[in-house]
């Protein structure tokens, strides 16, 4: 879903990608905050439960090409959406150039994915890609020059703080919340806006 903001200058564009088992609607609170700050948002849905990471990345890349065909956009992701963003930035150099905010990202894989994989990977197909043992997430190297900010949940039991770590990240911050609803928090929204504008979380 795309929302334009009238402006005399070309506004900066942001791609939003939701997490596993969610829809684009889960990212609407962040999209609203970004629009208030003057960004154009492209809140992209994708079938997060049905495919492994490479297939999801191809689907998302096609939708980005249709939604934002101009200059490289900024990115904001939640959970699996964060790993999709990192995968795209590694494999699609043309998408590099904007800033990136990752909300509760399983950058090192998540032990929770390893635990649930034997039971529900038939239902949640990307789980193996998010696992600590043999997953894709930890092996993705951040391309040079990409500015990434990490927002972790201080009480997150799905993705632990050490699992959000990413070598080369420009900044990181912890907010007092869990995993699933960080997008609803005003502090996380404000921090996202600040990083996309300045490249830092601190004022």
N, C-alpha and C. Protein backbone atom coordinates (compact mmCIF):
# COMPACT_ATOMS: atom_id res chain seq x y z
N UNK A 1 0.86 -1.19 0.00
CA UNK A 1 0.00 0.00 0.00
C UNK A 1 0.89 1.23 0.00
N UNK A 2 0.61 2.19 -0.89
CA UNK A 2 1.44 3.37 -1.05
C UNK A 2 0.66 4.62 -0.68
N UNK A 3 1.32 5.51 0.07
CA UNK A 3 0.69 6.76 0.47
C UNK A 3 1.62 7.90 0.10
N UNK A 4 1.16 8.85 -0.69
CA UNK A 4 1.98 9.97 -1.12
C UNK A 4 1.78 11.17 -0.21
N UNK A 5 2.83 11.97 -0.09
CA UNK A 5 2.79 13.20 0.69
C UNK A 5 3.10 14.36 -0.24
N UNK A 6 2.18 15.30 -0.46
CA UNK A 6 2.47 16.42 -1.34
C UNK A 6 3.64 17.24 -0.82
N UNK A 7 4.51 17.65 -1.71
CA UNK A 7 5.67 18.44 -1.31
C UNK A 7 6.23 19.13 -2.53
N UNK A 8 6.84 20.31 -2.32
CA UNK A 8 7.47 21.01 -3.42
C UNK A 8 8.75 20.32 -3.85
N UNK A 9 9.44 19.66 -2.91
CA UNK A 9 10.62 18.88 -3.23
C UNK A 9 10.23 17.41 -3.21
N UNK A 10 10.99 16.61 -3.96
CA UNK A 10 10.69 15.18 -4.00
C UNK A 10 10.92 14.58 -2.61
N UNK A 11 9.89 14.01 -1.98
CA UNK A 11 10.06 13.44 -0.65
C UNK A 11 10.82 12.12 -0.71
N UNK A 12 11.44 11.77 0.40
CA UNK A 12 12.15 10.50 0.48
C UNK A 12 11.14 9.37 0.68
N UNK A 13 11.46 8.21 0.10
CA UNK A 13 10.56 7.08 0.13
C UNK A 13 11.06 6.01 1.09
N UNK A 14 10.11 5.31 1.72
CA UNK A 14 10.44 4.26 2.69
C UNK A 14 9.66 3.00 2.36
N UNK A 15 10.36 1.88 2.27
CA UNK A 15 9.74 0.57 2.13
C UNK A 15 9.58 -0.03 3.52
N UNK A 16 8.37 -0.50 3.86
CA UNK A 16 8.13 -1.16 5.14
C UNK A 16 7.81 -2.64 4.88
N UNK A 17 8.46 -3.52 5.65
CA UNK A 17 8.25 -4.96 5.52
C UNK A 17 7.91 -5.56 6.88
N UNK A 18 6.78 -6.24 6.95
CA UNK A 18 6.28 -6.81 8.21
C UNK A 18 7.00 -8.11 8.55
N UNK A 19 6.63 -8.68 9.69
CA UNK A 19 7.26 -9.89 10.17
C UNK A 19 6.51 -11.16 9.80
N UNK A 20 7.01 -12.27 10.31
CA UNK A 20 6.49 -13.60 10.01
C UNK A 20 5.07 -13.76 10.54
N UNK A 21 4.17 -14.19 9.66
CA UNK A 21 2.79 -14.43 10.06
C UNK A 21 1.96 -13.18 10.20
N UNK A 22 2.52 -12.03 9.88
CA UNK A 22 1.79 -10.77 9.98
C UNK A 22 1.39 -10.31 8.58
N UNK A 23 0.76 -9.13 8.50
CA UNK A 23 0.43 -8.51 7.23
C UNK A 23 0.93 -7.08 7.23
N UNK A 24 0.78 -6.41 6.09
CA UNK A 24 1.20 -5.01 5.99
C UNK A 24 0.49 -4.13 7.02
N UNK A 25 -0.69 -4.56 7.47
CA UNK A 25 -1.43 -3.75 8.45
C UNK A 25 -0.67 -3.57 9.76
N UNK A 26 0.17 -4.55 10.11
CA UNK A 26 0.92 -4.46 11.37
C UNK A 26 1.92 -3.31 11.36
N UNK A 27 2.30 -2.84 10.17
CA UNK A 27 3.28 -1.76 10.07
C UNK A 27 2.62 -0.39 9.88
N UNK A 28 1.30 -0.35 9.89
CA UNK A 28 0.62 0.93 9.69
C UNK A 28 0.98 1.99 10.72
N UNK A 29 1.14 1.65 12.02
CA UNK A 29 1.52 2.71 12.97
C UNK A 29 2.84 3.38 12.62
N UNK A 30 3.82 2.60 12.18
CA UNK A 30 5.11 3.18 11.79
C UNK A 30 4.95 3.99 10.51
N UNK A 31 4.16 3.47 9.57
CA UNK A 31 3.93 4.20 8.32
C UNK A 31 3.29 5.55 8.58
N UNK A 32 2.33 5.60 9.50
CA UNK A 32 1.68 6.88 9.82
C UNK A 32 2.69 7.87 10.39
N UNK A 33 3.55 7.40 11.30
CA UNK A 33 4.56 8.29 11.88
C UNK A 33 5.51 8.81 10.80
N UNK A 34 5.87 7.96 9.88
CA UNK A 34 6.77 8.38 8.80
C UNK A 34 6.10 9.40 7.88
N UNK A 35 4.84 9.19 7.58
CA UNK A 35 4.13 10.15 6.73
C UNK A 35 4.01 11.50 7.42
N UNK A 36 3.76 11.49 8.73
CA UNK A 36 3.70 12.77 9.46
C UNK A 36 5.04 13.50 9.37
N UNK A 37 6.13 12.73 9.28
CA UNK A 37 7.47 13.33 9.21
C UNK A 37 7.86 13.72 7.78
N UNK A 38 6.97 13.46 6.81
CA UNK A 38 7.21 13.91 5.45
C UNK A 38 7.69 12.87 4.47
N UNK A 39 7.77 11.62 4.89
CA UNK A 39 8.19 10.55 3.99
C UNK A 39 7.01 10.01 3.19
N UNK A 40 7.31 9.44 2.03
CA UNK A 40 6.35 8.63 1.29
C UNK A 40 6.56 7.18 1.70
N UNK A 41 5.50 6.48 2.04
CA UNK A 41 5.64 5.10 2.52
C UNK A 41 5.06 4.11 1.52
N UNK A 42 5.74 2.97 1.40
CA UNK A 42 5.27 1.84 0.61
C UNK A 42 5.24 0.64 1.55
N UNK A 43 4.08 0.36 2.08
CA UNK A 43 3.90 -0.69 3.08
C UNK A 43 3.56 -1.98 2.34
N UNK A 44 4.57 -2.83 2.16
CA UNK A 44 4.47 -3.96 1.23
C UNK A 44 4.12 -5.25 1.97
N UNK A 45 3.07 -5.89 1.53
CA UNK A 45 2.71 -7.19 2.05
C UNK A 45 3.35 -8.30 1.23
N UNK A 46 3.55 -9.44 1.84
CA UNK A 46 4.11 -10.61 1.15
C UNK A 46 3.68 -11.86 1.92
N UNK A 47 3.66 -13.03 1.27
CA UNK A 47 3.17 -14.27 1.92
C UNK A 47 4.23 -14.87 2.83
N UNK A 48 4.37 -14.31 4.01
CA UNK A 48 5.51 -14.61 4.88
C UNK A 48 5.56 -16.04 5.38
N UNK A 49 4.45 -16.75 5.37
CA UNK A 49 4.43 -18.12 5.88
C UNK A 49 4.68 -19.17 4.80
N UNK A 50 4.59 -18.80 3.53
CA UNK A 50 4.49 -19.81 2.47
C UNK A 50 5.79 -20.20 1.81
N UNK A 51 6.84 -19.36 1.91
CA UNK A 51 8.04 -19.60 1.12
C UNK A 51 9.29 -19.38 1.96
N UNK A 52 10.39 -19.95 1.48
CA UNK A 52 11.70 -19.70 2.07
C UNK A 52 12.18 -18.30 1.67
N UNK A 53 13.24 -17.87 2.32
CA UNK A 53 13.71 -16.49 2.18
C UNK A 53 14.04 -16.08 0.75
N UNK A 54 14.77 -16.86 -0.05
CA UNK A 54 15.09 -16.40 -1.41
C UNK A 54 13.86 -16.14 -2.27
N UNK A 55 12.83 -16.99 -2.13
CA UNK A 55 11.61 -16.79 -2.91
C UNK A 55 10.88 -15.53 -2.43
N UNK A 56 10.80 -15.36 -1.12
CA UNK A 56 10.16 -14.15 -0.58
C UNK A 56 10.89 -12.90 -1.06
N UNK A 57 12.21 -12.97 -1.09
CA UNK A 57 13.00 -11.80 -1.53
C UNK A 57 12.69 -11.45 -2.99
N UNK A 58 12.53 -12.45 -3.84
CA UNK A 58 12.19 -12.19 -5.24
C UNK A 58 10.82 -11.52 -5.35
N UNK A 59 9.85 -12.03 -4.59
CA UNK A 59 8.52 -11.44 -4.61
C UNK A 59 8.54 -10.00 -4.13
N UNK A 60 9.26 -9.76 -3.04
CA UNK A 60 9.33 -8.40 -2.48
C UNK A 60 10.06 -7.47 -3.43
N UNK A 61 11.15 -7.94 -4.05
CA UNK A 61 11.90 -7.10 -4.99
C UNK A 61 11.02 -6.66 -6.15
N UNK A 62 10.18 -7.56 -6.65
CA UNK A 62 9.27 -7.20 -7.73
C UNK A 62 8.29 -6.12 -7.28
N UNK A 63 7.79 -6.25 -6.06
CA UNK A 63 6.82 -5.27 -5.56
C UNK A 63 7.49 -3.93 -5.27
N UNK A 64 8.74 -3.94 -4.83
CA UNK A 64 9.46 -2.70 -4.65
C UNK A 64 9.68 -2.01 -5.99
N UNK A 65 10.03 -2.78 -7.01
CA UNK A 65 10.27 -2.20 -8.33
C UNK A 65 9.03 -1.51 -8.87
N UNK A 66 7.86 -2.05 -8.57
CA UNK A 66 6.62 -1.42 -9.02
C UNK A 66 6.27 -0.21 -8.16
N UNK A 67 6.51 -0.30 -6.86
CA UNK A 67 6.08 0.76 -5.95
C UNK A 67 7.03 1.95 -5.93
N UNK A 68 8.34 1.68 -6.00
CA UNK A 68 9.34 2.75 -5.86
C UNK A 68 10.42 2.57 -6.91
N UNK A 69 10.14 2.90 -8.17
CA UNK A 69 11.09 2.65 -9.25
C UNK A 69 12.19 3.69 -9.37
N UNK A 70 12.17 4.73 -8.55
CA UNK A 70 13.15 5.81 -8.68
C UNK A 70 14.41 5.56 -7.89
N UNK A 71 14.83 6.55 -7.13
CA UNK A 71 16.08 6.44 -6.37
C UNK A 71 15.95 5.39 -5.27
N UNK A 72 17.08 4.88 -4.75
CA UNK A 72 17.01 3.86 -3.70
C UNK A 72 16.25 4.36 -2.48
N UNK A 73 15.34 3.54 -1.95
CA UNK A 73 14.53 3.98 -0.80
C UNK A 73 15.21 3.68 0.52
N UNK A 74 14.66 4.25 1.59
CA UNK A 74 14.96 3.78 2.93
C UNK A 74 14.15 2.50 3.18
N UNK A 75 14.54 1.77 4.24
CA UNK A 75 13.83 0.55 4.61
C UNK A 75 13.55 0.54 6.11
N UNK A 76 12.38 0.01 6.48
CA UNK A 76 12.05 -0.29 7.87
C UNK A 76 11.44 -1.68 7.90
N UNK A 77 12.00 -2.55 8.73
CA UNK A 77 11.48 -3.91 8.81
C UNK A 77 11.24 -4.34 10.23
N UNK A 78 10.39 -5.34 10.39
CA UNK A 78 10.15 -5.97 11.69
C UNK A 78 10.44 -7.46 11.57
N UNK A 79 11.29 -7.99 12.44
CA UNK A 79 11.54 -9.42 12.57
C UNK A 79 11.97 -10.05 11.24
N UNK A 80 11.19 -10.97 10.66
CA UNK A 80 11.55 -11.56 9.37
C UNK A 80 11.75 -10.49 8.31
N UNK A 81 10.96 -9.42 8.36
CA UNK A 81 11.13 -8.33 7.39
C UNK A 81 12.53 -7.74 7.44
N UNK A 82 13.17 -7.74 8.61
CA UNK A 82 14.54 -7.24 8.73
C UNK A 82 15.50 -8.10 7.94
N UNK A 83 15.33 -9.42 8.03
CA UNK A 83 16.23 -10.33 7.33
C UNK A 83 15.98 -10.26 5.83
N UNK A 84 14.75 -10.07 5.43
CA UNK A 84 14.46 -9.85 4.01
C UNK A 84 15.18 -8.60 3.50
N UNK A 85 15.16 -7.54 4.27
CA UNK A 85 15.85 -6.31 3.87
C UNK A 85 17.34 -6.58 3.72
N UNK A 86 17.92 -7.24 4.70
CA UNK A 86 19.36 -7.53 4.62
C UNK A 86 19.68 -8.41 3.41
N UNK A 87 18.84 -9.39 3.14
CA UNK A 87 19.04 -10.28 1.99
C UNK A 87 18.98 -9.47 0.68
N UNK A 88 18.00 -8.59 0.60
CA UNK A 88 17.86 -7.76 -0.60
C UNK A 88 19.06 -6.85 -0.78
N UNK A 89 19.56 -6.26 0.28
CA UNK A 89 20.68 -5.34 0.16
C UNK A 89 21.96 -6.06 -0.25
N UNK A 90 22.09 -7.33 0.13
CA UNK A 90 23.23 -8.12 -0.30
C UNK A 90 23.13 -8.49 -1.78
N UNK A 91 21.93 -8.90 -2.20
CA UNK A 91 21.76 -9.46 -3.53
C UNK A 91 21.23 -8.47 -4.57
N UNK A 92 20.79 -7.32 -4.15
CA UNK A 92 20.26 -6.30 -5.07
C UNK A 92 20.96 -4.97 -4.81
N UNK A 93 22.16 -4.79 -5.34
CA UNK A 93 22.92 -3.56 -5.08
C UNK A 93 22.17 -2.29 -5.47
N UNK A 94 21.26 -2.37 -6.44
CA UNK A 94 20.53 -1.18 -6.88
C UNK A 94 19.61 -0.63 -5.79
N UNK A 95 19.34 -1.43 -4.75
CA UNK A 95 18.48 -0.98 -3.66
C UNK A 95 19.26 -0.28 -2.55
N UNK A 96 20.57 -0.29 -2.63
CA UNK A 96 21.39 0.35 -1.60
C UNK A 96 21.42 1.86 -1.82
N UNK A 97 21.49 2.59 -0.73
CA UNK A 97 21.60 4.04 -0.82
C UNK A 97 20.82 4.76 0.25
N UNK A 98 19.71 4.16 0.70
CA UNK A 98 18.96 4.74 1.79
C UNK A 98 19.40 4.20 3.13
N UNK A 99 18.78 4.70 4.19
CA UNK A 99 19.04 4.21 5.54
C UNK A 99 18.07 3.08 5.87
N UNK A 100 18.42 2.32 6.91
CA UNK A 100 17.66 1.12 7.26
C UNK A 100 17.43 1.09 8.76
N UNK A 101 16.19 0.85 9.18
CA UNK A 101 15.87 0.62 10.60
C UNK A 101 15.30 -0.79 10.73
N UNK A 102 15.89 -1.56 11.63
CA UNK A 102 15.47 -2.94 11.88
C UNK A 102 14.86 -3.04 13.28
N UNK A 103 13.60 -3.44 13.35
CA UNK A 103 12.88 -3.57 14.62
C UNK A 103 12.92 -5.03 15.07
N UNK A 104 13.46 -5.27 16.25
CA UNK A 104 13.62 -6.61 16.83
C UNK A 104 14.14 -7.62 15.80
N UNK A 105 15.30 -7.36 15.20
CA UNK A 105 15.78 -8.21 14.11
C UNK A 105 16.52 -9.46 14.61
N UNK A 106 16.21 -10.64 14.08
CA UNK A 106 16.97 -11.85 14.43
C UNK A 106 18.24 -11.95 13.58
N UNK A 107 19.13 -10.98 13.74
CA UNK A 107 20.29 -10.88 12.87
C UNK A 107 21.26 -12.05 13.02
N UNK A 108 21.30 -12.66 14.20
CA UNK A 108 22.16 -13.81 14.42
C UNK A 108 21.37 -15.12 14.37
N UNK A 109 20.16 -15.06 13.83
CA UNK A 109 19.25 -16.17 13.98
C UNK A 109 18.61 -16.11 15.36
N UNK A 110 17.59 -16.91 15.58
CA UNK A 110 16.88 -16.89 16.86
C UNK A 110 16.72 -18.32 17.37
N UNK A 111 17.09 -18.55 18.62
CA UNK A 111 16.92 -19.87 19.22
C UNK A 111 15.46 -20.31 19.17
N UNK A 112 14.55 -19.34 19.24
CA UNK A 112 13.13 -19.67 19.16
C UNK A 112 12.81 -20.36 17.84
N UNK A 113 13.46 -19.93 16.75
CA UNK A 113 13.23 -20.57 15.46
C UNK A 113 13.74 -22.00 15.47
N UNK A 114 14.90 -22.24 16.09
CA UNK A 114 15.42 -23.60 16.20
C UNK A 114 14.47 -24.49 16.98
N UNK A 115 13.91 -23.93 18.06
CA UNK A 115 13.02 -24.72 18.91
C UNK A 115 11.75 -25.13 18.17
N UNK A 116 11.14 -24.19 17.47
CA UNK A 116 9.85 -24.46 16.83
C UNK A 116 9.96 -25.13 15.47
N UNK A 117 11.15 -25.07 14.86
CA UNK A 117 11.29 -25.58 13.50
C UNK A 117 10.82 -27.03 13.32
N UNK A 118 11.15 -27.97 14.22
CA UNK A 118 10.71 -29.35 14.00
C UNK A 118 9.19 -29.53 14.03
N UNK A 119 8.50 -28.58 14.65
CA UNK A 119 7.06 -28.74 14.86
C UNK A 119 6.20 -27.99 13.84
N UNK A 120 6.65 -26.79 13.45
CA UNK A 120 5.76 -25.95 12.63
C UNK A 120 6.43 -25.41 11.36
N UNK A 121 7.58 -25.96 10.96
CA UNK A 121 8.21 -25.44 9.74
C UNK A 121 7.37 -25.74 8.50
N UNK A 122 6.50 -26.74 8.58
CA UNK A 122 5.59 -27.01 7.46
C UNK A 122 4.58 -25.88 7.30
N UNK A 123 4.29 -25.17 8.40
CA UNK A 123 3.34 -24.06 8.37
C UNK A 123 4.04 -22.73 8.19
N UNK A 124 5.22 -22.58 8.80
CA UNK A 124 5.98 -21.34 8.73
C UNK A 124 7.28 -21.64 7.98
N UNK A 125 7.23 -21.60 6.68
CA UNK A 125 8.31 -22.08 5.84
C UNK A 125 9.65 -21.37 6.04
N UNK A 126 9.68 -20.05 6.40
CA UNK A 126 10.99 -19.40 6.55
C UNK A 126 11.72 -19.73 7.85
N UNK A 127 11.12 -20.51 8.76
CA UNK A 127 11.76 -20.75 10.05
C UNK A 127 13.20 -21.26 9.91
N UNK A 128 13.50 -22.21 9.00
CA UNK A 128 14.89 -22.65 8.90
C UNK A 128 15.87 -21.52 8.56
N UNK A 129 15.40 -20.54 7.83
CA UNK A 129 16.27 -19.41 7.47
C UNK A 129 16.55 -18.51 8.65
N UNK A 130 15.72 -18.58 9.69
CA UNK A 130 15.87 -17.73 10.87
C UNK A 130 16.54 -18.46 12.03
N UNK A 131 16.92 -19.72 11.82
CA UNK A 131 17.49 -20.51 12.90
C UNK A 131 18.94 -20.12 13.16
N UNK A 132 19.41 -20.43 14.34
CA UNK A 132 20.81 -20.20 14.69
C UNK A 132 21.68 -21.25 14.01
N UNK A 133 21.21 -22.49 13.98
CA UNK A 133 21.96 -23.58 13.38
C UNK A 133 21.61 -23.70 11.89
N UNK A 134 22.50 -23.20 11.05
CA UNK A 134 22.32 -23.34 9.61
C UNK A 134 21.40 -22.35 8.96
N UNK A 135 20.98 -21.32 9.67
CA UNK A 135 20.09 -20.32 9.10
C UNK A 135 20.82 -19.35 8.18
N UNK A 136 20.05 -18.58 7.44
CA UNK A 136 20.61 -17.62 6.49
C UNK A 136 21.02 -16.32 7.17
N UNK A 137 20.27 -15.93 8.21
CA UNK A 137 20.38 -14.59 8.76
C UNK A 137 21.81 -14.23 9.18
N UNK A 138 22.44 -15.11 9.97
CA UNK A 138 23.76 -14.78 10.52
C UNK A 138 24.83 -14.69 9.44
N UNK A 139 24.61 -15.32 8.30
CA UNK A 139 25.63 -15.33 7.25
C UNK A 139 25.57 -14.15 6.30
N UNK A 140 24.58 -13.28 6.45
CA UNK A 140 24.46 -12.12 5.56
C UNK A 140 25.38 -11.01 6.05
N UNK A 141 26.31 -10.61 5.21
CA UNK A 141 27.27 -9.56 5.58
C UNK A 141 26.74 -8.22 5.12
N UNK A 142 26.74 -7.26 6.02
CA UNK A 142 26.24 -5.93 5.70
C UNK A 142 27.12 -5.28 4.64
N UNK A 143 26.55 -4.87 3.51
CA UNK A 143 27.38 -4.23 2.47
C UNK A 143 27.98 -2.92 2.96
N UNK A 144 29.17 -2.57 2.50
CA UNK A 144 29.80 -1.31 2.91
C UNK A 144 28.93 -0.11 2.55
N UNK A 145 28.91 0.86 3.45
CA UNK A 145 28.22 2.10 3.19
C UNK A 145 26.74 2.12 3.51
N UNK A 146 26.17 0.98 3.90
CA UNK A 146 24.75 0.94 4.25
C UNK A 146 24.59 1.31 5.73
N UNK A 147 23.81 2.35 6.01
CA UNK A 147 23.59 2.81 7.38
C UNK A 147 22.40 2.08 7.97
N UNK A 148 22.65 1.30 9.02
CA UNK A 148 21.62 0.48 9.64
C UNK A 148 21.51 0.84 11.12
N UNK A 149 20.28 1.03 11.59
CA UNK A 149 20.00 1.23 12.99
C UNK A 149 19.16 0.09 13.54
N UNK A 150 19.49 -0.40 14.72
CA UNK A 150 18.80 -1.53 15.34
C UNK A 150 17.99 -1.05 16.53
N UNK A 151 16.70 -1.44 16.57
CA UNK A 151 15.86 -1.17 17.73
C UNK A 151 15.44 -2.52 18.30
N UNK A 152 15.93 -2.83 19.49
CA UNK A 152 15.65 -4.10 20.15
C UNK A 152 14.64 -3.90 21.27
N UNK A 153 13.93 -4.98 21.61
CA UNK A 153 13.00 -4.96 22.73
C UNK A 153 13.66 -5.47 23.99
N UNK A 154 13.63 -4.67 25.04
CA UNK A 154 14.31 -5.05 26.28
C UNK A 154 13.73 -6.27 26.95
N UNK A 155 12.45 -6.56 26.70
CA UNK A 155 11.81 -7.74 27.29
C UNK A 155 11.41 -8.75 26.23
N UNK A 156 12.09 -8.71 25.09
CA UNK A 156 11.79 -9.61 23.97
C UNK A 156 12.25 -11.02 24.32
N UNK A 157 11.33 -11.99 24.30
CA UNK A 157 11.68 -13.39 24.55
C UNK A 157 11.70 -14.20 23.25
N UNK A 158 11.34 -13.59 22.15
CA UNK A 158 11.38 -14.27 20.85
C UNK A 158 12.73 -14.08 20.19
N UNK A 159 13.21 -12.85 20.16
CA UNK A 159 14.55 -12.54 19.67
C UNK A 159 15.30 -11.85 20.81
N UNK A 160 16.26 -12.54 21.37
CA UNK A 160 17.01 -12.01 22.52
C UNK A 160 17.94 -10.89 22.07
N UNK A 161 18.36 -10.08 23.03
CA UNK A 161 19.18 -8.91 22.70
C UNK A 161 20.44 -9.29 21.92
N UNK A 162 21.14 -10.34 22.35
CA UNK A 162 22.38 -10.69 21.66
C UNK A 162 22.12 -11.21 20.25
N UNK A 163 20.89 -11.66 19.98
CA UNK A 163 20.56 -12.15 18.64
C UNK A 163 20.27 -11.01 17.66
N UNK A 164 20.09 -9.80 18.17
CA UNK A 164 19.86 -8.64 17.29
C UNK A 164 21.16 -8.02 16.79
N UNK A 165 22.29 -8.41 17.36
CA UNK A 165 23.58 -7.78 17.04
C UNK A 165 23.90 -7.90 15.55
N UNK A 166 24.48 -6.84 15.00
CA UNK A 166 24.86 -6.83 13.59
C UNK A 166 26.16 -6.05 13.43
N UNK A 167 27.20 -6.73 13.00
CA UNK A 167 28.48 -6.06 12.75
C UNK A 167 28.30 -4.99 11.67
N UNK A 168 28.81 -3.81 11.96
CA UNK A 168 28.74 -2.72 11.00
C UNK A 168 27.55 -1.81 11.17
N UNK A 169 26.64 -2.14 12.11
CA UNK A 169 25.48 -1.26 12.33
C UNK A 169 25.94 0.11 12.81
N UNK A 170 25.25 1.15 12.36
CA UNK A 170 25.64 2.52 12.71
C UNK A 170 25.23 2.90 14.12
N UNK A 171 24.11 2.32 14.61
CA UNK A 171 23.61 2.69 15.93
C UNK A 171 22.62 1.63 16.38
N UNK A 172 22.41 1.57 17.69
CA UNK A 172 21.42 0.64 18.23
C UNK A 172 20.83 1.23 19.50
N UNK A 173 19.61 0.77 19.81
CA UNK A 173 18.91 1.29 20.98
C UNK A 173 17.95 0.20 21.47
N UNK A 174 17.64 0.25 22.75
CA UNK A 174 16.71 -0.71 23.36
C UNK A 174 15.50 0.05 23.88
N UNK A 175 14.31 -0.45 23.56
CA UNK A 175 13.09 0.12 24.12
C UNK A 175 12.45 -0.94 25.02
N UNK A 176 11.72 -0.52 26.06
CA UNK A 176 11.19 -1.47 27.04
C UNK A 176 9.91 -2.15 26.56
N UNK A 177 10.08 -3.16 25.70
CA UNK A 177 8.92 -3.86 25.17
C UNK A 177 9.32 -5.25 24.72
N UNK A 178 8.32 -6.04 24.31
CA UNK A 178 8.56 -7.35 23.76
C UNK A 178 8.72 -7.32 22.26
N UNK A 179 8.42 -8.44 21.63
CA UNK A 179 8.73 -8.61 20.21
C UNK A 179 7.62 -8.16 19.26
N UNK A 180 6.40 -8.59 19.54
CA UNK A 180 5.36 -8.57 18.51
C UNK A 180 4.75 -7.20 18.25
N UNK A 181 4.77 -6.31 19.24
CA UNK A 181 4.01 -5.06 19.10
C UNK A 181 4.88 -3.82 19.25
N UNK A 182 6.16 -3.96 18.96
CA UNK A 182 7.05 -2.81 19.04
C UNK A 182 6.62 -1.69 18.09
N UNK A 183 5.95 -2.05 17.00
CA UNK A 183 5.52 -1.06 16.01
C UNK A 183 4.49 -0.08 16.58
N UNK A 184 3.79 -0.50 17.66
CA UNK A 184 2.75 0.34 18.26
C UNK A 184 3.32 1.40 19.18
N UNK A 185 4.57 1.27 19.54
CA UNK A 185 5.16 2.16 20.53
C UNK A 185 5.58 3.48 19.91
N UNK A 186 5.20 4.57 20.55
CA UNK A 186 5.55 5.90 20.05
C UNK A 186 7.06 6.13 20.09
N UNK A 187 7.73 5.61 21.13
CA UNK A 187 9.17 5.82 21.19
C UNK A 187 9.88 5.12 20.03
N UNK A 188 9.44 3.90 19.69
CA UNK A 188 10.05 3.19 18.56
C UNK A 188 9.77 3.92 17.24
N UNK A 189 8.57 4.46 17.11
CA UNK A 189 8.23 5.22 15.90
C UNK A 189 9.09 6.48 15.79
N UNK A 190 9.23 7.21 16.90
CA UNK A 190 10.04 8.43 16.88
C UNK A 190 11.51 8.13 16.59
N UNK A 191 12.01 7.04 17.17
CA UNK A 191 13.40 6.66 16.93
C UNK A 191 13.62 6.28 15.47
N UNK A 192 12.63 5.61 14.88
CA UNK A 192 12.72 5.24 13.47
C UNK A 192 12.80 6.49 12.59
N UNK A 193 11.94 7.45 12.84
CA UNK A 193 11.96 8.69 12.07
C UNK A 193 13.31 9.39 12.23
N UNK A 194 13.80 9.46 13.47
CA UNK A 194 15.05 10.18 13.73
C UNK A 194 16.22 9.53 12.98
N UNK A 195 16.28 8.20 13.00
CA UNK A 195 17.40 7.54 12.33
C UNK A 195 17.33 7.74 10.82
N UNK A 196 16.14 7.63 10.25
CA UNK A 196 16.04 7.82 8.80
C UNK A 196 16.41 9.24 8.39
N UNK A 197 16.20 10.20 9.27
CA UNK A 197 16.53 11.59 8.95
C UNK A 197 18.00 11.91 9.19
N UNK A 198 18.58 11.31 10.27
CA UNK A 198 19.92 11.76 10.70
C UNK A 198 20.97 10.66 10.70
N UNK A 199 20.57 9.40 10.67
CA UNK A 199 21.54 8.31 10.78
C UNK A 199 21.93 7.99 12.19
N UNK A 200 21.27 8.59 13.18
CA UNK A 200 21.54 8.31 14.60
C UNK A 200 20.21 8.27 15.35
N UNK A 201 20.20 7.56 16.49
CA UNK A 201 19.02 7.53 17.34
C UNK A 201 19.02 8.65 18.38
N UNK A 202 20.19 9.11 18.77
CA UNK A 202 20.27 10.17 19.75
C UNK A 202 19.96 11.51 19.11
N UNK A 203 19.33 12.44 19.86
CA UNK A 203 18.98 13.75 19.29
C UNK A 203 20.22 14.52 18.86
